[in-house]
Amino acid sequence: MSVPVIVGMVVSPPGTARNAGGEARITSARAEVIRLRS
């Protein structure tokens, strides 16, 4: 379920308040996804 959220965050235009706070979530979320896949 975290994958679609990441995609939505990345697709959203940069420089937004959501993106600023979302980048941290994206990084941590990607790390979690990588751990789960590997």
PDB file of N, CA and C in Angstrom:
ATOM      1  N   MET A   1       0.840  -1.209   0.000  1.00  0.00           N
ATOM      2  CA  MET A   1       0.000   0.000   0.000  1.00  0.00           C
ATOM      3  C   MET A   1       0.873   1.257   0.000  1.00  0.00           C
ATOM      4  N   SER A   2       2.101   1.133   0.437  1.00  0.00           N
ATOM      5  CA  SER A   2       2.985   2.307   0.507  1.00  0.00           C
ATOM      6  C   SER A   2       3.502   2.690  -0.877  1.00  0.00           C
ATOM      7  N   VAL A   3       3.512   1.729  -1.803  1.00  0.00           N
ATOM      8  CA  VAL A   3       4.055   2.014  -3.141  1.00  0.00           C
ATOM      9  C   VAL A   3       3.237   3.095  -3.848  1.00  0.00           C
ATOM     10  N   PRO A   4       1.904   2.975  -3.932  1.00  0.00           N
ATOM     11  CA  PRO A   4       1.113   4.012  -4.599  1.00  0.00           C
ATOM     12  C   PRO A   4       1.293   5.374  -3.954  1.00  0.00           C
ATOM     13  N   VAL A   5       1.449   5.396  -2.639  1.00  0.00           N
ATOM     14  CA  VAL A   5       1.654   6.671  -1.943  1.00  0.00           C
ATOM     15  C   VAL A   5       2.950   7.315  -2.397  1.00  0.00           C
ATOM     16  N   ILE A   6       4.001   6.510  -2.511  1.00  0.00           N
ATOM     17  CA  ILE A   6       5.294   7.029  -2.966  1.00  0.00           C
ATOM     18  C   ILE A   6       5.153   7.595  -4.374  1.00  0.00           C
ATOM     19  N   VAL A   7       4.507   6.848  -5.257  1.00  0.00           N
ATOM     20  CA  VAL A   7       4.335   7.294  -6.640  1.00  0.00           C
ATOM     21  C   VAL A   7       3.588   8.623  -6.659  1.00  0.00           C
ATOM     22  N   GLY A   8       2.530   8.725  -5.876  1.00  0.00           N
ATOM     23  CA  GLY A   8       1.757   9.965  -5.824  1.00  0.00           C
ATOM     24  C   GLY A   8       2.620  11.124  -5.337  1.00  0.00           C
ATOM     25  N   MET A   9       3.460  10.863  -4.339  1.00  0.00           N
ATOM     26  CA  MET A   9       4.326  11.913  -3.808  1.00  0.00           C
ATOM     27  C   MET A   9       5.303  12.385  -4.875  1.00  0.00           C
ATOM     28  N   VAL A  10       5.909  11.411  -5.577  1.00  0.00           N
ATOM     29  CA  VAL A  10       6.907  11.760  -6.597  1.00  0.00           C
ATOM     30  C   VAL A  10       6.261  12.517  -7.747  1.00  0.00           C
ATOM     31  N   VAL A  11       5.059  12.099  -8.133  1.00  0.00           N
ATOM     32  CA  VAL A  11       4.362  12.735  -9.253  1.00  0.00           C
ATOM     33  C   VAL A  11       3.998  14.168  -8.907  1.00  0.00           C
ATOM     34  N   SER A  12       3.686  14.426  -7.642  1.00  0.00           N
ATOM     35  CA  SER A  12       3.301  15.779  -7.228  1.00  0.00           C
ATOM     36  C   SER A  12       4.447  16.750  -7.516  1.00  0.00           C
ATOM     37  N   PRO A  13       4.125  17.974  -7.924  1.00  0.00           N
ATOM     38  CA  PRO A  13       5.153  18.967  -8.273  1.00  0.00           C
ATOM     39  C   PRO A  13       6.012  19.322  -7.071  1.00  0.00           C
ATOM     40  N   PRO A  14       7.318  19.499  -7.267  1.00  0.00           N
ATOM     41  CA  PRO A  14       8.238  19.852  -6.182  1.00  0.00           C
ATOM     42  C   PRO A  14       8.041  21.286  -5.710  1.00  0.00           C
ATOM     43  N   GLY A  15       8.548  21.589  -4.536  1.00  0.00           N
ATOM     44  CA  GLY A  15       8.426  22.944  -4.003  1.00  0.00           C
ATOM     45  C   GLY A  15       7.136  23.137  -3.245  1.00  0.00           C
ATOM     46  N   THR A  16       6.359  22.070  -3.082  1.00  0.00           N
ATOM     47  CA  THR A  16       5.102  22.183  -2.354  1.00  0.00           C
ATOM     48  C   THR A  16       5.316  21.873  -0.880  1.00  0.00           C
ATOM     49  N   ALA A  17       4.454  22.394  -0.033  1.00  0.00           N
ATOM     50  CA  ALA A  17       4.572  22.136   1.410  1.00  0.00           C
ATOM     51  C   ALA A  17       4.483  20.635   1.658  1.00  0.00           C
ATOM     52  N   ARG A  18       3.591  19.965   0.937  1.00  0.00           N
ATOM     53  CA  ARG A  18       3.438  18.520   1.113  1.00  0.00           C
ATOM     54  C   ARG A  18       4.709  17.798   0.679  1.00  0.00           C
ATOM     55  N   ASN A  19       5.289  18.254  -0.419  1.00  0.00           N
ATOM     56  CA  ASN A  19       6.497  17.595  -0.926  1.00  0.00           C
ATOM     57  C   ASN A  19       7.655  17.796   0.045  1.00  0.00           C
ATOM     58  N   ALA A  20       7.771  18.996   0.604  1.00  0.00           N
ATOM     59  CA  ALA A  20       8.877  19.282   1.533  1.00  0.00           C
ATOM     60  C   ALA A  20       8.842  18.303   2.695  1.00  0.00           C
ATOM     61  N   GLY A  21       7.673  18.111   3.272  1.00  0.00           N
ATOM     62  CA  GLY A  21       7.543  17.187   4.398  1.00  0.00           C
ATOM     63  C   GLY A  21       7.411  15.756   3.919  1.00  0.00           C
ATOM     64  N   GLY A  22       7.051  15.593   2.653  1.00  0.00           N
ATOM     65  CA  GLY A  22       6.840  14.252   2.115  1.00  0.00           C
ATOM     66  C   GLY A  22       8.138  13.573   1.703  1.00  0.00           C
ATOM     67  N   GLU A  23       9.149  14.380   1.342  1.00  0.00           N
ATOM     68  CA  GLU A  23      10.420  13.779   0.915  1.00  0.00           C
ATOM     69  C   GLU A  23      10.976  12.861   1.991  1.00  0.00           C
ATOM     70  N   ALA A  24      10.881  13.286   3.245  1.00  0.00           N
ATOM     71  CA  ALA A  24      11.385  12.455   4.340  1.00  0.00           C
ATOM     72  C   ALA A  24      10.631  11.128   4.359  1.00  0.00           C
ATOM     73  N   ARG A  25       9.303  11.199   4.171  1.00  0.00           N
ATOM     74  CA  ARG A  25       8.496   9.978   4.161  1.00  0.00           C
ATOM     75  C   ARG A  25       8.856   9.117   2.956  1.00  0.00           C
ATOM     76  N   ILE A  26       9.095   9.757   1.820  1.00  0.00           N
ATOM     77  CA  ILE A  26       9.444   9.010   0.603  1.00  0.00           C
ATOM     78  C   ILE A  26      10.741   8.234   0.827  1.00  0.00           C
ATOM     79  N   THR A  27      11.732   8.918   1.398  1.00  0.00           N
ATOM     80  CA  THR A  27      13.031   8.264   1.635  1.00  0.00           C
ATOM     81  C   THR A  27      12.868   7.066   2.549  1.00  0.00           C
ATOM     82  N   SER A  28      12.170   7.276   3.668  1.00  0.00           N
ATOM     83  CA  SER A  28      11.985   6.179   4.627  1.00  0.00           C
ATOM     84  C   SER A  28      11.113   5.087   4.021  1.00  0.00           C
ATOM     85  N   ALA A  29      10.101   5.490   3.270  1.00  0.00           N
ATOM     86  CA  ALA A  29       9.199   4.510   2.658  1.00  0.00           C
ATOM     87  C   ALA A  29       9.961   3.674   1.633  1.00  0.00           C
ATOM     88  N   ARG A  30      10.782   4.308   0.816  1.00  0.00           N
ATOM     89  CA  ARG A  30      11.571   3.566  -0.178  1.00  0.00           C
ATOM     90  C   ARG A  30      12.498   2.582   0.517  1.00  0.00           C
ATOM     91  N   ALA A  31      13.128   3.019   1.597  1.00  0.00           N
ATOM     92  CA  ALA A  31      14.034   2.132   2.335  1.00  0.00           C
ATOM     93  C   ALA A  31      13.262   0.917   2.831  1.00  0.00           C
ATOM     94  N   GLU A  32      12.047   1.146   3.329  1.00  0.00           N
ATOM     95  CA  GLU A  32      11.238   0.032   3.830  1.00  0.00           C
ATOM     96  C   GLU A  32      10.872  -0.914   2.687  1.00  0.00           C
ATOM     97  N   VAL A  33      10.480  -0.358   1.548  1.00  0.00           N
ATOM     98  CA  VAL A  33      10.104  -1.190   0.395  1.00  0.00           C
ATOM     99  C   VAL A  33      11.299  -2.023  -0.058  1.00  0.00           C
ATOM    100  N   ILE A  34      12.468  -1.385  -0.121  1.00  0.00           N
ATOM    101  CA  ILE A  34      13.678  -2.107  -0.540  1.00  0.00           C
ATOM    102  C   ILE A  34      13.961  -3.247   0.427  1.00  0.00           C
ATOM    103  N   ARG A  35      13.804  -2.973   1.721  1.00  0.00           N
ATOM    104  CA  ARG A  35      14.057  -4.012   2.723  1.00  0.00           C
ATOM    105  C   ARG A  35      13.070  -5.159   2.550  1.00  0.00           C
ATOM    106  N   LEU A  36      11.812  -4.822   2.298  1.00  0.00           N
ATOM    107  CA  LEU A  36      10.797  -5.866   2.150  1.00  0.00           C
ATOM    108  C   LEU A  36      11.080  -6.701   0.903  1.00  0.00           C
ATOM    109  N   ARG A  37      11.455  -6.041  -0.201  1.00  0.00           N
ATOM    110  CA  ARG A  37      11.712  -6.771  -1.447  1.00  0.00           C
ATOM    111  C   ARG A  37      12.953  -7.638  -1.320  1.00  0.00           C
ATOM    112  N   SER A  38      13.980  -7.106  -0.694  1.00  0.00           N
ATOM    113  CA  SER A  38      15.242  -7.855  -0.565  1.00  0.00           C
ATOM    114  C   SER A  38      15.187  -8.741   0.674  1.00  0.00           C
TER     115      SER A  38
END
